[in-house]
Protein backbone atom coordinates (compact mmCIF):
# COMPACT_ATOMS: atom_id res chain seq x y z
CA MET A 1 -18.69 23.50 -11.38
CA PRO A 2 -18.54 24.34 -7.67
CA THR A 3 -21.23 26.13 -5.68
CA TYR A 4 -20.17 29.27 -3.80
CA GLU A 5 -21.99 31.13 -1.05
CA TYR A 6 -21.90 34.93 -0.88
CA LYS A 7 -23.16 37.52 1.60
CA CYS A 8 -24.08 41.08 0.67
CA LEU A 9 -22.32 43.73 2.76
CA ASP A 10 -25.21 46.21 2.33
CA CYS A 11 -28.43 44.21 2.80
CA SER A 12 -26.91 41.09 4.51
CA ASP A 13 -28.59 38.83 1.96
CA VAL A 14 -26.95 35.38 1.68
CA PHE A 15 -27.12 33.57 -1.65
CA GLU A 16 -25.48 30.71 -3.51
CA THR A 17 -24.25 30.68 -7.06
CA VAL A 18 -22.54 28.15 -9.33
CA HIS A 19 -19.56 29.33 -11.36
CA GLY A 20 -16.02 28.37 -12.31
CA MET A 21 -13.05 28.78 -9.98
CA ASN A 22 -11.65 31.74 -11.91
CA GLU A 23 -14.95 33.64 -11.93
CA SER A 24 -16.48 35.70 -9.13
CA VAL A 25 -19.65 37.60 -8.26
CA GLU A 26 -19.18 41.36 -7.89
CA SER A 27 -22.64 42.55 -6.85
CA CYS A 28 -25.71 41.40 -4.92
CA PRO A 29 -28.60 40.25 -7.13
CA SER A 30 -31.11 41.86 -4.70
CA CYS A 31 -29.71 45.35 -4.11
CA GLY A 32 -26.58 45.59 -6.28
CA GLY A 33 -24.26 46.09 -3.27
CA LYS A 34 -20.78 44.64 -2.74
CA VAL A 35 -20.59 40.97 -1.80
CA ARG A 36 -18.12 38.80 0.07
CA ARG A 37 -17.62 35.09 -0.46
CA LEU A 38 -18.29 32.95 2.64
CA PHE A 39 -16.00 30.09 3.62
CA HIS A 40 -17.07 27.06 5.65
CA PRO A 41 -15.03 24.29 7.28
CA VAL A 42 -14.66 21.08 5.35
CA GLY A 43 -16.11 17.91 6.84
CA ILE A 44 -13.35 15.39 7.50
CA ILE A 45 -13.90 11.75 8.42
CA PHE A 46 -10.99 9.86 9.97
CA LYS A 47 -11.10 6.15 9.17
CA GLY A 48 -8.80 3.45 10.44
CA SER A 49 -6.86 2.98 13.65
CA GLY A 50 -4.78 5.60 15.39
CA PHE A 51 -7.24 8.49 15.38
CA TYR A 52 -8.94 7.96 18.72
CA LYS A 53 -7.31 8.01 22.15
CA THR A 54 -8.90 4.64 22.93
CA ASP A 55 -6.99 2.98 20.05
CA SER A 56 -3.72 2.80 21.97
CA ARG A 57 -5.20 1.57 25.24
CA ALA A 58 -5.32 -2.06 26.25
CA SER A 59 -8.72 -3.55 26.90
CA ASP A 60 -9.70 -3.42 30.55
CA ASN A 61 -11.71 -6.45 31.62
CA GLY A 62 -11.31 -6.07 35.38
CA LYS A 63 -7.80 -7.59 35.53
CA GLY A 64 -5.90 -4.40 34.75
CA GLY A 65 -4.55 -3.46 31.36
CA ALA A 66 -1.16 -4.42 29.97
CA GLY A 67 -0.07 -0.79 30.11
CA THR A 68 -0.71 -0.71 33.87
CA GLU A 69 1.64 -3.64 34.50
CA LYS A 70 4.41 -2.07 32.39
CA ASP A 71 4.06 1.24 34.20
CA ALA A 72 4.20 -0.47 37.61
CA GLY A 73 7.32 -2.41 36.63
CA ALA A 74 9.04 0.71 35.35
CA ALA A 75 8.20 2.57 38.56
CA GLU A 76 9.69 -0.24 40.67
CA LYS A 77 12.91 -0.21 38.63
CA ALA A 78 13.16 3.57 38.98
CA GLU A 79 12.76 3.28 42.76
CA GLU A 80 15.45 0.59 42.93
CA LYS A 81 17.90 2.78 40.95
CA ALA A 82 17.13 5.75 43.20
CA SER A 83 17.73 3.75 46.38
CA VAL A 84 20.99 2.24 45.07
CA GLY A 85 22.30 5.65 44.00
CA GLY A 86 21.29 7.25 47.31
CA GLU A 87 23.36 4.88 49.52
């Protein structure tokens, strides 16, 4: 059975209780006031490649990465096309 966390709207008391998914707590055990269930973000762990921005980068060991050479070559080709079309 899951554990749920509730907060009392009257006395601001926060408490946990274990019950089934179809059940709910209607009143605060301290003062008997109305309660509201609290929700928290779920912890997610990404494993494997493709989740970090460094995964797609080439290793840089002082010689320049492979991506840098491709980008430079593409820029040169674009300049050549621009100069040919401009004449």
